Structure formats: C-alpha cells, structure tokens
N, C-alpha and C. Protein backbone atom coordinates (compact mmCIF):
# COMPACT_ATOMS: atom_id res chain seq x y z
N MET A 1 0.82 -1.22 -0.09
CA MET A 1 0.03 0.08 0.08
C MET A 1 0.80 1.27 0.02
N SER A 2 1.90 1.27 0.90
CA SER A 2 2.82 2.47 0.88
C SER A 2 3.59 2.79 -0.41
N ALA A 3 3.94 1.62 -1.09
CA ALA A 3 4.59 1.80 -2.42
C ALA A 3 3.57 2.57 -3.45
N PHE A 4 2.28 1.84 -3.50
CA PHE A 4 1.32 2.53 -4.28
C PHE A 4 1.01 3.96 -4.03
N ILE A 5 1.01 4.34 -2.70
CA ILE A 5 0.72 5.75 -2.39
C ILE A 5 1.89 6.64 -2.82
N ALA A 6 3.13 6.15 -2.56
CA ALA A 6 4.34 6.93 -2.97
C ALA A 6 4.44 7.13 -4.41
N ILE A 7 4.22 6.00 -5.25
CA ILE A 7 4.29 6.08 -6.72
C ILE A 7 3.25 6.97 -7.26
N GLY A 8 1.94 6.82 -6.68
CA GLY A 8 0.84 7.58 -7.17
C GLY A 8 0.88 9.09 -6.75
N ALA A 9 1.49 9.41 -5.64
CA ALA A 9 1.68 10.75 -5.27
C ALA A 9 2.68 11.48 -6.13
N VAL A 10 3.80 10.77 -6.36
CA VAL A 10 4.82 11.44 -7.16
C VAL A 10 4.35 11.61 -8.60
N ALA A 11 3.71 10.60 -9.22
CA ALA A 11 3.24 10.79 -10.55
C ALA A 11 2.15 12.01 -10.53
N ARG A 12 1.30 11.97 -9.56
CA ARG A 12 0.37 13.15 -9.50
C ARG A 12 1.00 14.53 -9.41
N ILE A 13 2.04 14.62 -8.62
CA ILE A 13 2.74 15.79 -8.43
C ILE A 13 3.43 16.25 -9.73
N LEU A 14 4.05 15.38 -10.40
CA LEU A 14 4.74 15.62 -11.58
C LEU A 14 3.64 16.10 -12.74
N ILE A 15 2.66 15.21 -12.86
CA ILE A 15 1.70 15.64 -13.86
C ILE A 15 0.95 16.91 -13.40
N GLY A 16 0.63 16.98 -12.22
CA GLY A 16 -0.13 18.19 -11.70
C GLY A 16 0.69 19.51 -12.00
N ASN A 17 1.99 19.42 -11.76
CA ASN A 17 2.89 20.51 -12.01
C ASN A 17 2.88 20.96 -13.60
N LEU A 18 2.80 19.89 -14.47
CA LEU A 18 2.80 20.09 -15.85
C LEU A 18 1.49 20.77 -16.17
N ALA A 19 0.43 20.21 -15.58
CA ALA A 19 -0.94 20.82 -15.80
C ALA A 19 -1.09 22.27 -15.26
N LEU A 20 -0.43 22.60 -14.15
CA LEU A 20 -0.42 23.95 -13.70
C LEU A 20 0.09 25.03 -14.62
N GLU A 21 1.20 24.47 -15.42
CA GLU A 21 1.86 25.32 -16.39
C GLU A 21 1.02 25.43 -17.75
N SER A 22 0.01 24.64 -17.86
CA SER A 22 -0.67 24.59 -19.11
C SER A 22 -1.91 25.62 -19.25
N PRO A 23 -2.38 26.00 -20.30
CA PRO A 23 -3.53 26.85 -20.35
C PRO A 23 -4.72 26.20 -19.75
N ALA A 24 -5.69 26.96 -19.45
CA ALA A 24 -6.90 26.64 -18.63
C ALA A 24 -7.61 25.39 -19.24
N PRO A 25 -7.91 25.29 -20.57
CA PRO A 25 -8.61 24.14 -21.09
C PRO A 25 -7.80 22.87 -21.02
N VAL A 26 -6.47 23.10 -21.16
CA VAL A 26 -5.61 21.86 -21.10
C VAL A 26 -5.41 21.37 -19.76
N PHE A 27 -5.47 22.30 -18.84
CA PHE A 27 -5.18 21.91 -17.34
C PHE A 27 -6.21 20.81 -16.94
N GLY A 28 -7.57 20.83 -17.33
CA GLY A 28 -8.51 19.81 -16.95
C GLY A 28 -8.31 18.44 -17.64
N ILE A 29 -7.54 18.51 -18.66
CA ILE A 29 -7.17 17.22 -19.49
C ILE A 29 -6.04 16.60 -18.80
N PHE A 30 -4.90 17.37 -18.65
CA PHE A 30 -3.69 16.87 -18.06
C PHE A 30 -3.84 16.37 -16.68
N ILE A 31 -4.67 17.07 -15.82
CA ILE A 31 -4.79 16.50 -14.47
C ILE A 31 -5.54 15.22 -14.34
N LYS A 32 -6.22 14.89 -15.29
CA LYS A 32 -6.72 13.49 -15.18
C LYS A 32 -5.96 12.36 -15.84
N ILE A 33 -4.76 12.64 -16.28
CA ILE A 33 -3.81 11.54 -16.64
C ILE A 33 -2.90 11.21 -15.50
N GLY A 34 -2.72 9.98 -15.27
CA GLY A 34 -2.03 9.56 -14.21
C GLY A 34 -2.36 8.14 -13.70
N LEU A 35 -1.66 7.82 -12.63
CA LEU A 35 -1.83 6.59 -11.93
C LEU A 35 -2.92 6.45 -10.68
N THR A 36 -3.25 7.58 -10.35
CA THR A 36 -4.08 7.68 -9.00
C THR A 36 -5.11 6.63 -8.90
N GLU A 37 -6.10 6.73 -9.94
CA GLU A 37 -7.17 5.69 -9.91
C GLU A 37 -6.82 4.20 -10.24
N THR A 38 -5.85 4.11 -11.11
CA THR A 38 -5.24 2.78 -11.34
C THR A 38 -4.73 2.13 -10.10
N LEU A 39 -3.82 2.80 -9.55
CA LEU A 39 -3.14 2.24 -8.19
C LEU A 39 -4.26 2.05 -7.04
N THR A 40 -5.11 2.97 -6.94
CA THR A 40 -6.18 2.82 -5.93
C THR A 40 -7.10 1.64 -6.42
N PHE A 41 -7.46 1.31 -7.63
CA PHE A 41 -8.30 0.20 -8.03
C PHE A 41 -7.40 -1.04 -7.74
N ILE A 42 -6.13 -1.09 -8.01
CA ILE A 42 -5.45 -2.40 -7.88
C ILE A 42 -5.35 -2.70 -6.33
N SER A 43 -5.10 -1.51 -5.57
CA SER A 43 -4.91 -1.94 -4.08
C SER A 43 -6.24 -2.40 -3.60
N GLY A 44 -7.48 -1.75 -3.96
CA GLY A 44 -8.72 -2.17 -3.48
C GLY A 44 -9.04 -3.58 -3.88
N PHE A 45 -8.62 -3.90 -5.20
CA PHE A 45 -8.99 -5.17 -5.68
C PHE A 45 -8.15 -6.32 -4.97
N VAL A 46 -6.89 -6.05 -4.63
CA VAL A 46 -5.89 -7.03 -4.14
C VAL A 46 -6.08 -7.18 -2.63
N PHE A 47 -6.22 -5.94 -1.97
CA PHE A 47 -6.17 -5.89 -0.55
C PHE A 47 -7.50 -5.62 0.27
N GLY A 48 -8.50 -5.36 -0.60
CA GLY A 48 -9.76 -5.04 -0.04
C GLY A 48 -10.17 -3.62 -0.06
N PRO A 49 -11.55 -3.41 0.28
CA PRO A 49 -12.04 -1.97 0.11
C PRO A 49 -11.44 -0.98 1.02
N GLY A 50 -11.16 -1.40 2.26
CA GLY A 50 -10.54 -0.58 3.18
C GLY A 50 -9.22 0.05 2.88
N VAL A 51 -8.48 -0.89 2.39
CA VAL A 51 -6.95 -0.55 2.00
C VAL A 51 -7.11 0.20 0.68
N GLY A 52 -8.01 -0.17 -0.15
CA GLY A 52 -8.23 0.54 -1.39
C GLY A 52 -8.71 2.16 -1.20
N PHE A 53 -9.64 2.19 -0.27
CA PHE A 53 -9.99 3.64 0.05
C PHE A 53 -8.78 4.26 0.61
N LEU A 54 -8.22 3.83 1.64
CA LEU A 54 -6.96 4.56 2.11
C LEU A 54 -5.97 4.84 1.13
N THR A 55 -5.65 3.95 0.16
CA THR A 55 -4.59 4.19 -0.80
C THR A 55 -5.06 5.38 -1.66
N GLY A 56 -6.23 5.43 -2.22
CA GLY A 56 -6.77 6.45 -3.01
C GLY A 56 -6.78 7.84 -2.23
N ALA A 57 -7.14 7.84 -0.96
CA ALA A 57 -7.29 9.05 -0.10
C ALA A 57 -5.88 9.62 0.15
N LEU A 58 -4.97 8.70 0.50
CA LEU A 58 -3.69 9.09 0.81
C LEU A 58 -2.86 9.58 -0.39
N ILE A 59 -3.07 9.10 -1.49
CA ILE A 59 -2.40 9.58 -2.68
C ILE A 59 -2.78 11.10 -2.97
N ILE A 60 -4.07 11.28 -2.83
CA ILE A 60 -4.59 12.62 -3.02
C ILE A 60 -4.11 13.61 -1.88
N VAL A 61 -4.14 13.27 -0.69
CA VAL A 61 -3.85 14.09 0.43
C VAL A 61 -2.17 14.38 0.38
N THR A 62 -1.49 13.35 0.12
CA THR A 62 -0.07 13.48 0.07
C THR A 62 0.51 14.36 -0.86
N SER A 63 -0.19 14.06 -2.19
CA SER A 63 0.21 14.86 -3.36
C SER A 63 -0.25 16.40 -3.16
N ASP A 64 -1.39 16.54 -2.64
CA ASP A 64 -1.92 17.88 -2.46
C ASP A 64 -1.15 18.68 -1.54
N LEU A 65 -0.47 18.05 -0.48
CA LEU A 65 0.46 18.74 0.36
C LEU A 65 1.54 19.38 -0.23
N TYR A 66 2.03 18.84 -1.48
CA TYR A 66 3.14 19.33 -2.25
C TYR A 66 2.70 20.15 -3.32
N MET A 67 1.35 20.19 -3.73
CA MET A 67 0.96 20.97 -4.86
C MET A 67 0.14 22.15 -4.41
N LEU A 68 -1.21 21.93 -4.33
CA LEU A 68 -2.06 22.97 -3.93
C LEU A 68 -3.32 22.48 -3.19
N PRO A 69 -2.95 22.31 -1.88
CA PRO A 69 -4.07 21.83 -0.85
C PRO A 69 -5.17 23.05 -0.73
N GLY A 70 -6.37 22.45 -0.62
CA GLY A 70 -7.41 23.38 -0.39
C GLY A 70 -8.47 22.74 0.22
N PRO A 71 -9.82 23.54 0.27
CA PRO A 71 -10.94 22.84 0.90
C PRO A 71 -11.42 21.73 0.15
N TRP A 72 -11.08 21.47 -1.08
CA TRP A 72 -11.34 20.34 -1.91
C TRP A 72 -10.64 19.07 -1.52
N THR A 73 -9.51 19.13 -0.97
CA THR A 73 -8.58 18.10 -0.71
C THR A 73 -9.31 16.84 -0.09
N PRO A 74 -9.97 17.11 1.19
CA PRO A 74 -10.58 15.97 1.87
C PRO A 74 -11.86 15.36 0.95
N PHE A 75 -12.50 16.12 0.19
CA PHE A 75 -13.61 15.59 -0.67
C PHE A 75 -13.14 14.88 -1.73
N ILE A 76 -12.13 15.40 -2.47
CA ILE A 76 -11.57 14.63 -3.54
C ILE A 76 -10.94 13.35 -3.14
N ALA A 77 -10.23 13.55 -1.98
CA ALA A 77 -9.49 12.25 -1.40
C ALA A 77 -10.64 11.17 -1.13
N ALA A 78 -11.67 11.53 -0.53
CA ALA A 78 -12.80 10.62 -0.18
C ALA A 78 -13.33 10.00 -1.50
N ILE A 79 -13.48 10.83 -2.53
CA ILE A 79 -14.15 10.46 -3.88
C ILE A 79 -13.31 9.39 -4.55
N ILE A 80 -11.87 9.73 -4.54
CA ILE A 80 -10.95 8.73 -5.11
C ILE A 80 -10.95 7.52 -4.21
N GLY A 81 -11.01 7.66 -2.94
CA GLY A 81 -11.06 6.39 -2.22
C GLY A 81 -12.30 5.47 -2.43
N VAL A 82 -13.37 6.07 -2.97
CA VAL A 82 -14.53 5.32 -3.31
C VAL A 82 -14.07 4.40 -4.50
N PHE A 83 -13.21 4.84 -5.30
CA PHE A 83 -12.61 3.96 -6.34
C PHE A 83 -12.00 2.61 -5.96
N GLY A 84 -11.36 2.86 -4.62
CA GLY A 84 -10.72 1.60 -4.09
C GLY A 84 -11.90 0.72 -3.34
N ILE A 85 -12.87 1.27 -2.79
CA ILE A 85 -13.96 0.55 -2.34
C ILE A 85 -14.67 -0.20 -3.35
N GLY A 86 -15.01 0.39 -4.48
CA GLY A 86 -15.42 -0.18 -5.64
C GLY A 86 -14.85 -1.40 -6.03
N ALA A 87 -13.45 -1.25 -6.24
CA ALA A 87 -12.66 -2.43 -6.69
C ALA A 87 -12.51 -3.56 -5.62
N GLY A 88 -12.70 -3.25 -4.33
CA GLY A 88 -12.57 -4.36 -3.33
C GLY A 88 -13.96 -4.99 -3.49
N ILE A 89 -15.08 -4.36 -3.72
CA ILE A 89 -16.48 -5.04 -3.77
C ILE A 89 -16.49 -5.86 -5.06
N ILE A 90 -15.99 -5.32 -6.17
CA ILE A 90 -15.89 -6.08 -7.43
C ILE A 90 -15.23 -7.31 -7.22
N ARG A 91 -14.05 -7.53 -6.42
CA ARG A 91 -13.26 -8.50 -6.16
C ARG A 91 -14.09 -9.68 -5.59
N ARG A 92 -15.13 -9.32 -4.75
CA ARG A 92 -15.95 -10.25 -3.92
C ARG A 92 -16.84 -11.05 -4.94
N TYR A 93 -17.07 -10.47 -6.12
CA TYR A 93 -17.93 -11.07 -7.09
C TYR A 93 -17.21 -11.74 -8.19
N ILE A 94 -16.07 -11.13 -8.70
CA ILE A 94 -15.25 -11.54 -9.79
C ILE A 94 -13.93 -11.66 -9.31
N ASP A 95 -13.40 -13.02 -9.17
CA ASP A 95 -12.07 -13.20 -8.60
C ASP A 95 -10.89 -13.02 -9.60
N HIS A 96 -11.07 -13.41 -10.88
CA HIS A 96 -10.11 -13.26 -11.90
C HIS A 96 -10.60 -12.54 -13.11
N PRO A 97 -10.89 -11.39 -13.10
CA PRO A 97 -11.41 -10.63 -14.21
C PRO A 97 -10.41 -10.47 -15.34
N GLY A 98 -10.93 -10.55 -16.46
CA GLY A 98 -10.15 -10.29 -17.77
C GLY A 98 -9.99 -8.63 -18.05
N PRO A 99 -9.27 -8.38 -19.05
CA PRO A 99 -9.10 -7.05 -19.39
C PRO A 99 -10.44 -6.28 -19.65
N LEU A 100 -11.30 -6.86 -20.35
CA LEU A 100 -12.57 -6.45 -20.83
C LEU A 100 -13.46 -6.11 -19.56
N THR A 101 -13.53 -7.02 -18.63
CA THR A 101 -14.22 -6.82 -17.32
C THR A 101 -13.66 -5.66 -16.42
N LEU A 102 -12.32 -5.62 -16.38
CA LEU A 102 -11.68 -4.51 -15.69
C LEU A 102 -11.90 -3.14 -16.34
N GLY A 103 -11.73 -3.18 -17.69
CA GLY A 103 -11.95 -1.97 -18.39
C GLY A 103 -13.48 -1.34 -18.21
N LEU A 104 -14.41 -2.28 -18.10
CA LEU A 104 -15.82 -1.95 -18.00
C LEU A 104 -16.01 -1.37 -16.44
N CYS A 105 -15.42 -2.07 -15.46
CA CYS A 105 -15.46 -1.62 -14.15
C CYS A 105 -14.83 -0.36 -13.98
N ALA A 106 -13.73 -0.19 -14.58
CA ALA A 106 -13.03 1.05 -14.65
C ALA A 106 -13.79 2.16 -15.01
N ALA A 107 -14.51 1.96 -16.30
CA ALA A 107 -15.40 3.00 -16.84
C ALA A 107 -16.56 3.35 -15.87
N LEU A 108 -17.18 2.40 -15.22
CA LEU A 108 -18.32 2.66 -14.34
C LEU A 108 -17.84 3.45 -13.07
N LEU A 109 -16.65 3.07 -12.50
CA LEU A 109 -16.18 3.66 -11.34
C LEU A 109 -15.69 5.09 -11.75
N THR A 110 -15.18 5.38 -12.92
CA THR A 110 -14.68 6.72 -13.44
C THR A 110 -15.94 7.60 -13.54
N ILE A 111 -17.00 7.16 -14.14
CA ILE A 111 -18.23 7.91 -14.23
C ILE A 111 -18.75 8.37 -12.98
N LEU A 112 -18.79 7.40 -11.98
CA LEU A 112 -19.25 7.73 -10.68
C LEU A 112 -18.31 8.75 -9.99
N SER A 113 -17.00 8.56 -10.20
CA SER A 113 -16.11 9.60 -9.53
C SER A 113 -16.21 10.87 -10.11
N GLU A 114 -16.23 10.97 -11.47
CA GLU A 114 -16.41 12.24 -12.01
C GLU A 114 -17.64 13.01 -11.80
N THR A 115 -18.71 12.19 -11.64
CA THR A 115 -19.94 12.84 -11.35
C THR A 115 -19.97 13.42 -9.85
N LEU A 116 -19.33 12.57 -8.89
CA LEU A 116 -19.22 13.14 -7.46
C LEU A 116 -18.37 14.31 -7.59
N GLN A 117 -17.25 14.41 -8.22
CA GLN A 117 -16.28 15.47 -8.19
C GLN A 117 -17.08 16.72 -8.84
N ASN A 118 -17.82 16.51 -9.81
CA ASN A 118 -18.57 17.71 -10.57
C ASN A 118 -19.55 18.23 -9.62
N SER A 119 -20.23 17.19 -8.80
CA SER A 119 -21.44 17.64 -7.93
C SER A 119 -20.70 18.43 -6.82
N TRP A 120 -19.68 17.99 -6.35
CA TRP A 120 -18.99 18.84 -5.16
C TRP A 120 -18.55 20.08 -5.72
N VAL A 121 -18.02 20.22 -6.83
CA VAL A 121 -17.68 21.64 -7.33
C VAL A 121 -18.83 22.48 -7.43
N ALA A 122 -19.81 22.00 -7.96
CA ALA A 122 -21.26 22.74 -8.01
C ALA A 122 -21.70 23.27 -6.79
N LEU A 123 -21.75 22.26 -5.76
CA LEU A 123 -22.25 22.63 -4.41
C LEU A 123 -21.20 23.65 -3.76
N PHE A 124 -20.06 23.36 -3.77
CA PHE A 124 -18.98 24.36 -3.16
C PHE A 124 -19.08 25.70 -3.79
N TYR A 125 -19.12 25.81 -5.12
CA TYR A 125 -19.03 27.05 -5.67
C TYR A 125 -20.29 27.69 -6.10
N GLY A 126 -21.43 26.88 -5.70
CA GLY A 126 -22.75 27.43 -6.01
C GLY A 126 -23.10 27.59 -7.52
N VAL A 127 -22.50 26.67 -8.33
CA VAL A 127 -22.76 26.63 -9.67
C VAL A 127 -23.75 25.64 -10.02
N PRO A 128 -24.61 25.88 -11.02
CA PRO A 128 -25.56 24.70 -11.32
C PRO A 128 -24.77 23.42 -11.70
N ILE A 129 -25.34 22.24 -11.25
CA ILE A 129 -24.58 21.00 -11.54
C ILE A 129 -24.55 20.68 -12.90
N VAL A 130 -25.67 21.11 -13.72
CA VAL A 130 -25.58 20.78 -15.28
C VAL A 130 -24.37 21.61 -15.86
N ALA A 131 -24.02 22.74 -15.39
CA ALA A 131 -22.98 23.55 -15.94
C ALA A 131 -21.66 22.82 -15.49
N THR A 132 -21.43 22.32 -14.39
CA THR A 132 -20.17 21.61 -14.12
C THR A 132 -20.08 20.32 -14.96
N MET A 133 -21.15 19.77 -15.07
CA MET A 133 -21.09 18.42 -15.88
C MET A 133 -20.85 18.75 -17.30
N ILE A 134 -21.27 19.86 -17.92
CA ILE A 134 -20.90 20.17 -19.20
C ILE A 134 -19.58 20.68 -19.38
N THR A 135 -19.08 21.46 -18.56
CA THR A 135 -17.76 22.03 -18.68
C THR A 135 -16.75 20.92 -18.24
N GLY A 136 -17.19 19.92 -17.44
CA GLY A 136 -16.35 18.83 -17.04
C GLY A 136 -16.23 17.72 -18.03
N LEU A 137 -16.76 17.77 -19.16
CA LEU A 137 -16.76 16.74 -20.29
C LEU A 137 -15.37 16.44 -20.66
N PRO A 138 -14.51 17.36 -21.12
CA PRO A 138 -13.26 16.99 -21.53
C PRO A 138 -12.53 16.23 -20.54
N SER A 139 -12.64 16.61 -19.15
CA SER A 139 -12.00 15.92 -18.13
C SER A 139 -12.57 14.61 -17.88
N LEU A 140 -13.90 14.40 -18.11
CA LEU A 140 -14.42 13.01 -18.03
C LEU A 140 -13.93 12.14 -19.08
N VAL A 141 -13.92 12.60 -20.37
CA VAL A 141 -13.40 11.88 -21.62
C VAL A 141 -11.92 11.34 -21.12
N THR A 142 -11.13 12.31 -20.77
CA THR A 142 -9.75 12.06 -20.43
C THR A 142 -9.50 10.93 -19.36
N ALA A 143 -10.34 11.16 -18.31
CA ALA A 143 -10.33 10.18 -17.21
C ALA A 143 -10.72 8.80 -17.62
N LEU A 144 -11.82 8.82 -18.52
CA LEU A 144 -12.29 7.49 -18.91
C LEU A 144 -11.29 6.80 -19.77
N ALA A 145 -10.61 7.48 -20.73
CA ALA A 145 -9.68 6.97 -21.50
C ALA A 145 -8.39 6.46 -20.65
N ASN A 146 -7.94 7.25 -19.82
CA ASN A 146 -6.82 6.87 -18.98
C ASN A 146 -7.19 5.75 -18.10
N ASN A 147 -8.27 5.71 -17.41
CA ASN A 147 -8.60 4.66 -16.47
C ASN A 147 -8.83 3.40 -17.20
N VAL A 148 -9.56 3.45 -18.35
CA VAL A 148 -9.99 2.22 -19.14
C VAL A 148 -8.72 1.63 -19.59
N ILE A 149 -7.93 2.39 -20.25
CA ILE A 149 -6.59 1.82 -20.81
C ILE A 149 -5.71 1.33 -19.77
N LEU A 150 -5.39 2.00 -18.74
CA LEU A 150 -4.41 1.53 -17.72
C LEU A 150 -4.94 0.37 -16.80
N ILE A 151 -6.11 0.53 -16.49
CA ILE A 151 -6.89 -0.63 -15.64
C ILE A 151 -7.10 -1.82 -16.52
N GLY A 152 -7.54 -1.64 -17.69
CA GLY A 152 -7.81 -2.73 -18.55
C GLY A 152 -6.57 -3.52 -19.10
N THR A 153 -5.58 -2.79 -19.31
CA THR A 153 -4.41 -3.32 -19.95
C THR A 153 -3.32 -3.81 -18.92
N ALA A 154 -2.94 -2.57 -18.07
CA ALA A 154 -1.83 -3.03 -16.92
C ALA A 154 -2.56 -3.81 -15.76
N GLY A 155 -3.80 -3.44 -15.55
CA GLY A 155 -4.48 -4.03 -14.30
C GLY A 155 -4.39 -5.46 -14.06
N PRO A 156 -4.68 -6.36 -15.12
CA PRO A 156 -4.61 -7.78 -14.80
C PRO A 156 -3.20 -8.26 -14.47
N ARG A 157 -2.24 -7.60 -15.15
CA ARG A 157 -0.70 -8.13 -14.94
C ARG A 157 -0.24 -7.55 -13.68
N VAL A 158 -0.62 -6.33 -13.21
CA VAL A 158 -0.17 -5.78 -11.82
C VAL A 158 -0.89 -6.55 -10.75
N ILE A 159 -2.22 -6.84 -10.99
CA ILE A 159 -2.94 -7.51 -9.97
C ILE A 159 -2.18 -8.88 -9.68
N ARG A 160 -1.92 -9.61 -10.81
CA ARG A 160 -1.34 -11.01 -10.72
C ARG A 160 0.07 -10.82 -9.78
N LEU A 161 0.81 -9.80 -10.37
CA LEU A 161 2.00 -9.57 -9.82
C LEU A 161 2.01 -9.33 -8.27
N VAL A 162 1.12 -8.38 -7.82
CA VAL A 162 1.09 -8.18 -6.31
C VAL A 162 0.37 -9.37 -5.64
N GLN A 163 -0.66 -9.96 -6.22
CA GLN A 163 -1.22 -11.08 -5.60
C GLN A 163 -0.12 -12.25 -5.44
N GLY A 164 0.79 -12.46 -6.38
CA GLY A 164 1.92 -13.33 -6.31
C GLY A 164 2.89 -13.06 -5.20
N ALA A 165 3.15 -11.71 -5.04
CA ALA A 165 4.06 -11.25 -4.07
C ALA A 165 3.55 -11.45 -2.74
N THR A 166 2.29 -11.24 -2.58
CA THR A 166 1.70 -11.29 -1.10
C THR A 166 1.54 -12.76 -0.97
N ASP A 167 1.35 -13.67 -1.91
CA ASP A 167 1.17 -15.17 -1.56
C ASP A 167 2.58 -15.62 -1.09
N ARG A 168 3.53 -15.09 -1.87
CA ARG A 168 4.90 -15.63 -1.50
C ARG A 168 5.34 -15.11 -0.08
N SER A 169 5.01 -13.91 0.15
CA SER A 169 5.39 -13.39 1.53
C SER A 169 4.67 -14.01 2.65
N SER A 170 3.45 -14.32 2.40
CA SER A 170 2.54 -15.04 3.44
C SER A 170 3.05 -16.47 3.69
N SER A 171 3.44 -17.09 2.65
CA SER A 171 3.93 -18.51 2.73
C SER A 171 5.33 -18.60 3.35
N THR A 172 6.10 -17.64 3.46
CA THR A 172 7.36 -17.71 4.15
C THR A 172 7.44 -17.31 5.54
N ARG A 173 6.26 -16.94 6.00
CA ARG A 173 6.11 -16.64 7.45
C ARG A 173 6.01 -17.85 8.30
C-alpha cells in the first residue's frame, strides 16, 4: 500500500505541475492523466475495500500537500477512495477478471467518480450541476480513456504480480 501511495503521489505531483503550467482548457485534461485511480483500483482489488480507500485518499492528500491543498482536498480524497472501495467490492464477485471486465469496471467507477467530483464543485462554488457536468466533459473523457486503458491493460498483470508477491510473503512466514 505504501509503495502505491508513494508512486501515485509522485506521478500526480509531476503531472499536476505540468498541468498547472498549461492553459486553462488543457489543465482539466492533463490533471486526469496519471496513476491515481489505477493504483487505487489495484490496491482495493488485491487488499480489500478499506485498503483501497486509504490508498486513494492518501495519494490525494499526500500529493496535495506538495501541490495545492485546499478545501477540496478531503472531498476529492474521499471520492478517489470510493474507487478503491468499488474495486474491493468487485473482487468479491469476480475473482479473476479479464481486461474487458476490468475496463468496464474502470469506466463505471470513473463515471461515478467524475459525477461526484463535479457535484462537489457545483455545491461548493454555487454553480448549477448541469454547468459543471458540461464543462467537465473533456475531463471526463480524459479520465475515462486513462482509466479504461491503464486498468484494462496493465491491471490484470499488476494484480497478478501483487497477488503473487503477497502469496509468497505469506507462505514464508
């Protein structure tokens, strides 16, 4: 879990700094590229919903401490944590999912996550939810592409790798 948090936070900081240097429309696209949801999903799938939630939340909190913390930090952390909870729940029903199943699960969790994030922005800033959903479309499309591709392709391999490592470590005790 700590390795996932460290890797996710560093990747988010690097990509976040690149996004902050970009013009406004490109910022919303760049900020959705990364490993945060992928590592959160894998952690939740392998170690369970609680660990998945903590992984996602701590990636956001840790990286925001080095970037731009604000009143959104705890809310976005909790929303990304939901990604890990979802993955842990999925594992209870599908033990060895293939790339297509993982991609579909990633798409559903991404839509949920983006909807929650846009709803929070609308409530916090007093903007109509429909407006945040419309202006958030490029961000949604980028997040969907990023998460479906990474979780659908790298997900099965990394899940097997981490499960194998945890199986080996528990058998040597």
